Each structure stands twice: as structure tokens, then as C-alpha cells.
């Protein structure tokens, strides 16, 4: 009899515990507040290994992983100017276990309607923006042009050539925006790779060289190219070779388009999951380790950080800018 009572009580206790656990799990699922993360998170880098976006994403993940209960695992899904990675990320579940690194290339893909039904503005939600790069326009060292004013005058008489891997990219649209503001004419010359593009610039095969400061500064310091204008509102005082270089705004042209890097997740990702990811990214952004990395890569000149709401607003604003340029150039 005692054994029967003991077994009965034990069964009731087990049933009660299982019932409470089930209710707890059911409540979490209903509210979308399930514990996160329970496994590693895939960080999709939509560009090839070794580039600025790849280097940044891997370093940022490394910093986050020092405090995250589960790691961010970088994986490269390159191709079509970031499009391959975006399409891949959209096909994954909206559970937060896939984070996509994004750049202006993804906004441009939306503008040019190249996403095969996948769009950044429609299918993703922002986490934060981390970096904001600045463009600088230079000419080969052998060029007879010594100032941006001279370049504009020459460009009004005949098209200025510039090299790139594919038309319709960020470099192409940015230079066309600058051309529209100044009255210059520009002509895109396609090359097969980034190394060929730079060789064309150094060899004087093209008239102008538009690139991010971190990519161009080595050539500037080695006197292989001559910087003429920086696409920014203020002069850059922290780099000796750039202190005397005027800005577009200073010269009367409101063109400050640059590159940037941030992160997004698929639309419908639970709020608590987004909050976790955003908080970890904010923590990483504030570390001395990241600040040193940003300084060494010259991405601390212009403030990089944007909250989710501001970041989403930037997507929409840049969409309008790129759409206008694309229409003027016949790309759309």
C-alpha cells in the first residue's frame, strides 16, 4: 500500500513538472520570446575573401564572439555585387540564425531590380550600421590635370574614362552622381578584375580613379595617383597626405555618397532575437579593439554607427538617389 501511494505521488509530481515545462515552452513560443541563441549564428558575407567587407565582418564577429554564448560563424557567399549572399540569406528561416552583412550594393540591386524577387528594403530588417567609408577621386600620376576644377572643365569637353569590373555598381553610380552635379561627362570602361582596374589606373589607361580612402591611400602616399577631391563635407586632417585636398561640399557640390557596412536579418525575426543581436553589436562597436581596427583602416573619419531606425531611413534615402542616377544614365 505504501509503495502504491509513493508511486502515485511520484507520478503526480512528474506530471506537474512536465505540465509546467510545457506551459512555459508554449508561452515562450506564443510570445516569440524563446531563448536565443541556442546554436551558432551564420554570418553571411556577400563578398569574396580578403576584401574590405570580408575583413571587417570577420573582425567584428571575432570581437562579438568573446562575449556571446554562441558564436557568429562567417561564411562567404559572393557574386553579383552582393546579390548572391542576399538571395541566400532570404531563403533561410527568419529565426535570427542567419545574419546578412549589407552595403550600398544591396540598395543598388533593389534599384536595378536584379534580385530575382528578393529586395533589401522589402525582405530584410536592419540591425545596425557600423562603418561609413569615404570616397576620394584621383587621377594617375602621369595626368596633366592638377585640380578638380581642371578636371571638371576637361570633362565638360569630352567624356572622362574610369575603370570598373561591372557597370551599375556603387563606383559607377557615385561617379555618375558627381558628373551630374558638375556637368562632367564620364564613360565606364569594363575590366575583368580589381587588379586589372588598378593596373589600368596606374598605367594611365583611364582618366580618373574613384575609390575608398583605405584602398587609395597607399597609391597616394607612393605618389602613384594625385588626389583631387574628397566626397565629404569636411577636410580630413588626420591623414597628412589629405589635409590640403578639398571636399565636394567645399567646392559647391552636394555629393557625399560613400560606402558603408552594417547588418540585417530577414523580416519577421522575433524582437527579442533582434534585440540580442543589436546589443552584442553595440558592445563590439564600443570596444577599444574595434576602435583601433577602425582607426587603422581609416573608417573612423566619419561616424559609422546608426541605430536600426536611422539605418532603415538611410536605405530609403539612398534608394531615391541611386534611382535618379540610374534613370539619368539609362541603367533603369
Protein backbone atom coordinates (compact mmCIF):
# COMPACT_ATOMS: atom_id res chain seq x y z
CA UNK A 1 0.00 0.00 0.00
CA UNK A 2 2.81 2.39 0.89
CA UNK A 3 4.54 1.57 -2.39
CA UNK A 4 1.33 2.33 -4.30
CA UNK A 5 0.94 5.73 -2.58
CA UNK A 6 4.60 6.57 -3.16
CA UNK A 7 4.32 5.73 -6.88
CA UNK A 8 1.10 7.72 -7.15
CA UNK A 9 2.67 10.80 -5.55
CA UNK A 10 5.78 10.47 -7.72
CA UNK A 11 3.63 10.24 -10.85
CA UNK A 12 1.68 13.34 -9.85
CA UNK A 13 4.91 15.30 -9.20
CA UNK A 14 6.36 14.27 -12.58
CA UNK A 15 3.11 15.19 -14.34
CA UNK A 16 3.08 18.58 -12.61
CA UNK A 17 6.68 19.32 -13.57
CA UNK A 18 6.10 18.29 -17.19
CA UNK A 19 2.94 20.37 -17.32
CA UNK A 20 4.69 23.47 -16.02
CA UNK A 21 7.54 22.96 -18.51
CA UNK A 22 5.12 22.57 -21.38
CA UNK A 23 3.24 25.71 -20.36
CA UNK A 24 6.47 27.64 -20.11
CA UNK A 25 7.58 26.49 -23.56
CA UNK A 26 4.15 27.18 -25.00
CA UNK A 27 4.20 30.69 -23.52
CA UNK A 28 7.64 31.38 -25.00
CA UNK A 29 6.56 30.19 -28.44
CA UNK A 30 3.33 32.20 -28.34
CA UNK A 31 5.14 35.40 -27.41
CA UNK A 32 8.08 34.78 -29.71
CA UNK A 33 10.38 35.04 -26.69
CA UNK A 34 12.15 31.70 -26.97
CA UNK A 35 15.70 31.67 -25.64
CA UNK A 36 18.27 32.90 -28.18
CA UNK A 37 20.83 31.82 -29.21
CA UNK A 38 20.89 28.09 -28.68
CA UNK A 39 23.32 27.33 -31.52
CA UNK A 40 25.90 29.12 -33.68
CA UNK A 41 24.71 32.01 -35.87
CA UNK A 42 25.67 32.15 -39.55
CA UNK A 43 27.10 35.50 -40.63
CA UNK A 44 26.74 35.79 -44.41
CA UNK A 45 29.47 37.86 -46.04
CA UNK A 46 28.16 38.57 -49.56
CA UNK A 47 31.61 39.33 -50.98
CA UNK A 48 34.84 37.42 -51.55
CA UNK A 49 37.58 36.72 -49.05
CA UNK A 50 40.22 39.34 -48.35
CA UNK A 51 38.25 42.44 -49.34
CA UNK A 52 37.30 45.30 -47.02
CA UNK A 53 33.83 43.88 -46.29
CA UNK A 54 35.22 40.42 -45.54
CA UNK A 55 37.99 41.76 -43.29
CA UNK A 56 35.56 43.94 -41.36
CA UNK A 57 32.89 41.27 -40.87
CA UNK A 58 35.37 38.66 -39.66
CA UNK A 59 37.00 41.07 -37.22
CA UNK A 60 33.63 42.24 -35.88
CA UNK A 61 32.47 38.63 -35.42
CA UNK A 62 35.72 37.84 -33.61
CA UNK A 63 35.06 40.65 -31.12
CA UNK A 64 31.40 39.67 -30.61
CA UNK A 65 32.33 36.02 -30.04
CA UNK A 66 34.38 36.93 -26.97
CA UNK A 67 31.17 37.57 -25.02
CA UNK A 68 28.41 35.81 -26.98
CA UNK A 69 27.07 32.48 -25.61
CA UNK A 70 27.08 31.15 -29.19
CA UNK A 71 29.46 32.27 -31.94
CA UNK A 72 28.86 34.14 -35.18
CA UNK A 73 30.33 31.96 -37.91
CA UNK A 74 31.35 33.96 -41.03
CA UNK A 75 30.68 32.34 -44.41
CA UNK A 76 31.35 33.92 -47.80
CA UNK A 77 28.54 33.82 -50.38
CA UNK A 78 29.97 36.11 -53.05
CA UNK A 79 28.76 37.04 -56.51
CA UNK A 80 26.81 39.65 -58.49
CA UNK A 81 27.79 42.59 -56.31
CA UNK A 82 26.43 41.11 -53.09
CA UNK A 83 23.26 39.74 -54.66
CA UNK A 84 24.12 36.04 -54.25
CA UNK A 85 24.55 36.44 -50.49
CA UNK A 86 21.31 38.41 -50.11
CA UNK A 87 19.28 35.83 -52.04
CA UNK A 88 20.84 33.04 -49.95
CA UNK A 89 20.01 34.81 -46.66
CA UNK A 90 16.41 35.44 -47.74
CA UNK A 91 15.89 31.71 -48.31
CA UNK A 92 16.82 30.90 -44.69
CA UNK A 93 14.41 30.93 -41.74
CA UNK A 94 13.63 34.27 -40.07
CA UNK A 95 14.78 32.97 -36.69
CA UNK A 96 17.89 35.15 -36.33
CA UNK A 97 20.34 32.34 -37.00
CA UNK A 98 21.25 33.95 -40.33
CA UNK A 99 22.67 37.49 -40.26
CA UNK A 100 23.48 39.29 -43.52
CA UNK A 101 26.23 41.87 -43.90
CA UNK A 102 24.95 44.64 -46.17
CA UNK A 103 26.43 47.56 -48.14
CA UNK A 104 25.07 50.14 -50.62
CA UNK A 105 25.39 47.44 -53.29
CA UNK A 106 22.23 45.85 -51.90
CA UNK A 107 20.26 49.09 -52.20
CA UNK A 108 21.52 49.40 -55.79
CA UNK A 109 20.37 45.84 -56.50
CA UNK A 110 16.89 46.92 -55.39
CA UNK A 111 17.03 49.96 -57.67
CA UNK A 112 18.13 47.95 -60.70
CA UNK A 113 15.64 45.16 -59.87
CA UNK A 114 18.30 42.47 -60.12
CA UNK A 115 17.33 40.50 -57.03
CA UNK A 116 15.14 37.85 -58.68
CA UNK A 117 12.25 38.80 -56.43
CA UNK A 118 14.43 39.44 -53.35
CA UNK A 119 14.82 43.04 -52.11
CA UNK A 120 16.68 44.53 -49.19
CA UNK A 121 14.01 47.12 -48.40
CA UNK A 122 11.13 44.63 -48.58
CA UNK A 123 12.58 41.38 -47.25
CA UNK A 124 15.02 42.44 -44.51
CA UNK A 125 15.08 44.43 -41.29
CA UNK A 126 18.10 46.46 -40.12
CA UNK A 127 20.21 45.71 -37.08
CA UNK A 128 22.84 48.48 -37.03
CA UNK A 129 25.22 50.28 -39.36
CA UNK A 130 28.82 50.05 -38.18
CA UNK A 131 31.07 51.67 -40.78
CA UNK A 132 30.89 54.60 -43.18
CA UNK A 133 33.63 54.86 -45.81
CA UNK A 134 34.59 58.00 -47.72
CA UNK A 135 35.34 58.14 -51.44
CA UNK A 136 38.25 60.06 -52.93
CA UNK A 137 38.70 60.96 -56.60
CA UNK A 138 42.21 60.88 -58.03
CA UNK A 139 43.97 60.90 -61.40
CA UNK A 140 47.04 58.88 -62.50
CA UNK A 141 50.38 60.46 -61.56
CA UNK A 142 51.09 60.98 -65.26
CA UNK A 143 47.96 63.10 -65.76
CA UNK A 144 48.37 66.76 -66.68
CA UNK A 145 45.34 67.62 -64.54
CA UNK A 146 46.24 69.03 -61.13
CA UNK A 147 42.91 70.13 -59.62
CA UNK A 148 39.27 69.12 -59.54
CA UNK A 149 38.31 72.38 -61.22
CA UNK A 150 40.56 71.48 -64.15
CA UNK A 151 39.07 68.00 -64.27
CA UNK A 152 35.53 69.41 -64.47
CA UNK A 153 36.47 71.69 -67.37
CA UNK A 154 38.09 68.83 -69.28
CA UNK A 155 35.11 66.60 -68.54
CA UNK A 156 32.72 69.14 -69.98
CA UNK A 157 34.58 68.98 -73.30
CA UNK A 158 34.93 65.19 -73.56
CA UNK A 159 33.97 62.12 -71.51
CA UNK A 160 36.38 61.16 -68.74
CA UNK A 161 37.08 57.44 -68.64
CA UNK A 162 37.11 55.35 -65.48
CA UNK A 163 37.67 51.64 -64.88
CA UNK A 164 35.44 49.11 -63.14
CA UNK A 165 34.50 45.45 -63.04
CA UNK A 166 30.84 45.90 -63.91
CA UNK A 167 28.58 48.80 -64.74
CA UNK A 168 25.83 49.75 -62.33
CA UNK A 169 27.91 49.26 -59.19
CA UNK A 170 28.48 51.76 -56.39
CA UNK A 171 31.56 53.30 -58.02
CA UNK A 172 29.69 53.75 -61.30
CA UNK A 173 26.61 55.36 -59.77
CA UNK A 174 28.65 57.56 -57.43
CA UNK A 175 30.80 58.93 -60.21
CA UNK A 176 27.73 59.50 -62.37
CA UNK A 177 26.11 61.40 -59.50
CA UNK A 178 29.20 63.60 -59.28
CA UNK A 179 29.17 64.05 -63.05
CA UNK A 180 25.53 65.14 -62.97
CA UNK A 181 26.29 67.70 -60.25
CA UNK A 182 29.30 69.18 -62.05
CA UNK A 183 28.34 68.88 -65.70
CA UNK A 184 31.18 66.46 -66.46
CA UNK A 185 30.79 63.56 -68.84
CA UNK A 186 32.04 60.13 -67.77
CA UNK A 187 32.48 56.81 -69.56
CA UNK A 188 32.71 53.42 -67.89
CA UNK A 189 35.45 51.07 -69.14
CA UNK A 190 34.96 47.42 -68.03
CA UNK A 191 37.81 45.23 -66.77
CA UNK A 192 37.80 41.62 -65.60
CA UNK A 193 39.15 42.05 -62.05
CA UNK A 194 40.03 44.56 -59.37
CA UNK A 195 43.73 44.07 -60.03
CA UNK A 196 43.21 44.92 -63.70
CA UNK A 197 41.27 48.04 -62.71
CA UNK A 198 44.14 49.29 -60.56
CA UNK A 199 46.68 48.41 -63.25
CA UNK A 200 44.65 50.49 -65.72
CA UNK A 201 44.73 53.44 -63.35
CA UNK A 202 48.46 53.21 -62.64
CA UNK A 203 49.21 52.72 -66.31
CA UNK A 204 47.25 55.81 -67.29
CA UNK A 205 44.76 53.82 -69.38
CA UNK A 206 41.85 55.70 -67.78
CA UNK A 207 41.42 59.35 -66.78
CA UNK A 208 40.14 59.09 -63.20
CA UNK A 209 40.28 56.77 -60.20
CA UNK A 210 37.41 56.69 -57.70
CA UNK A 211 37.92 54.53 -54.62
CA UNK A 212 37.52 54.37 -50.86
CA UNK A 213 40.23 56.19 -48.91
CA UNK A 214 41.57 52.98 -47.33
CA UNK A 215 42.06 51.47 -50.81
CA UNK A 216 43.55 54.59 -52.39
CA UNK A 217 45.78 55.93 -49.62
CA UNK A 218 48.72 53.61 -50.43
CA UNK A 219 48.83 54.83 -54.03
CA UNK A 220 48.56 58.43 -52.82
CA UNK A 221 51.43 58.05 -50.36
CA UNK A 222 53.57 56.40 -53.05
CA UNK A 223 52.77 59.26 -55.47
CA UNK A 224 51.24 56.87 -57.98
CA UNK A 225 48.00 58.87 -58.16
CA UNK A 226 47.12 62.51 -57.47
CA UNK A 227 44.09 63.09 -55.18
CA UNK A 228 41.83 65.91 -56.40
CA UNK A 229 38.68 65.88 -54.27
CA UNK A 230 37.18 64.03 -51.32
CA UNK A 231 33.47 63.23 -51.36
CA UNK A 232 32.78 64.62 -47.91
CA UNK A 233 31.63 67.77 -46.14
CA UNK A 234 34.81 68.41 -44.15
CA UNK A 235 38.51 68.13 -44.94
CA UNK A 236 40.40 65.18 -43.50
CA UNK A 237 43.00 66.45 -41.06
CA UNK A 238 44.17 63.16 -39.54
CA UNK A 239 45.96 61.99 -42.70
CA UNK A 240 48.88 64.22 -43.70
CA UNK A 241 48.58 63.47 -47.41
CA UNK A 242 44.92 64.55 -47.42
CA UNK A 243 44.99 67.71 -45.31
CA UNK A 244 45.10 70.04 -48.31
CA UNK A 245 42.66 68.14 -50.52
CA UNK A 246 39.32 69.98 -50.92
CA UNK A 247 35.93 68.35 -50.45
CA UNK A 248 32.97 68.24 -52.80
CA UNK A 249 30.82 70.28 -50.42
CA UNK A 250 33.58 72.85 -50.04
CA UNK A 251 33.65 73.25 -53.84
CA UNK A 252 29.88 73.63 -54.01
CA UNK A 253 28.78 70.10 -54.94
CA UNK A 254 26.47 68.31 -52.50
CA UNK A 255 27.68 64.82 -53.38
CA UNK A 256 28.96 62.88 -50.38
CA UNK A 257 27.97 59.34 -51.35
CA UNK A 258 30.24 56.76 -49.75
CA UNK A 259 30.30 53.11 -48.90
CA UNK A 260 29.03 51.71 -45.61
CA UNK A 261 28.72 48.36 -43.87
CA UNK A 262 26.12 47.06 -41.48
CA UNK A 263 23.93 44.07 -40.73
CA UNK A 264 20.37 42.93 -41.32
CA UNK A 265 18.12 39.95 -40.68
CA UNK A 266 15.19 38.52 -42.58
CA UNK A 267 11.86 40.28 -41.99
CA UNK A 268 9.79 38.69 -39.25
CA UNK A 269 12.71 37.84 -36.98
CA UNK A 270 11.49 37.84 -33.33
CA UNK A 271 12.01 41.11 -31.47
CA UNK A 272 13.97 39.56 -28.59
CA UNK A 273 16.32 37.94 -31.11
CA UNK A 274 16.96 41.26 -32.87
CA UNK A 275 17.49 42.96 -29.51
CA UNK A 276 20.11 40.38 -28.55
CA UNK A 277 22.00 40.79 -31.84
CA UNK A 278 21.82 44.59 -31.73
CA UNK A 279 23.07 44.72 -28.15
CA UNK A 280 26.03 42.44 -28.90
CA UNK A 281 26.93 44.53 -31.94
CA UNK A 282 26.72 47.76 -29.97
CA UNK A 283 29.03 46.26 -27.33
CA UNK A 284 31.54 45.26 -30.00
CA UNK A 285 31.40 48.71 -31.63
CA UNK A 286 32.32 50.36 -28.31
CA UNK A 287 35.35 48.16 -27.57
CA UNK A 288 38.88 49.51 -27.75
CA UNK A 289 39.72 46.60 -30.04
CA UNK A 290 37.21 47.71 -32.66
CA UNK A 291 38.16 51.39 -32.30
CA UNK A 292 41.78 50.50 -33.04
CA UNK A 293 40.72 48.42 -36.05
CA UNK A 294 38.60 51.30 -37.38
CA UNK A 295 41.46 53.76 -36.92
CA UNK A 296 43.94 51.51 -38.71
CA UNK A 297 41.53 51.07 -41.63
CA UNK A 298 40.57 54.78 -41.80
CA UNK A 299 36.87 54.10 -41.24
CA UNK A 300 36.73 56.27 -38.12
CA UNK A 301 36.91 59.56 -40.04
CA UNK A 302 33.15 59.74 -40.50
CA UNK A 303 30.78 58.41 -37.84
CA UNK A 304 29.78 54.89 -38.76
CA UNK A 305 27.16 53.93 -36.17
CA UNK A 306 23.44 54.15 -36.89
CA UNK A 307 20.54 52.77 -34.85
CA UNK A 308 18.08 50.46 -36.67
CA UNK A 309 15.50 53.18 -37.38
CA UNK A 310 18.09 55.60 -38.75
CA UNK A 311 19.70 52.83 -40.77
CA UNK A 312 16.37 51.87 -42.39
CA UNK A 313 15.78 55.54 -43.21
CA UNK A 314 19.17 55.68 -44.95
CA UNK A 315 18.20 52.72 -47.14
CA UNK A 316 15.14 54.58 -48.39
CA UNK A 317 17.01 57.87 -48.92
CA UNK A 318 19.81 56.24 -50.87
CA UNK A 319 17.31 54.28 -52.94
CA UNK A 320 15.93 57.59 -54.23
CA UNK A 321 19.42 58.93 -55.00
CA UNK A 322 20.55 55.82 -56.85
CA UNK A 323 17.26 55.51 -58.70
CA UNK A 324 17.58 59.06 -60.03
CA UNK A 325 21.16 58.46 -61.17
CA UNK A 326 20.24 55.10 -62.73
CA UNK A 327 17.46 56.71 -64.75
CA UNK A 328 19.73 59.51 -65.98
CA UNK A 329 22.40 57.03 -67.09
CA UNK A 330 19.95 54.62 -68.70
CA UNK A 331 20.67 51.82 -66.24
CA UNK A 332 16.98 51.85 -65.28
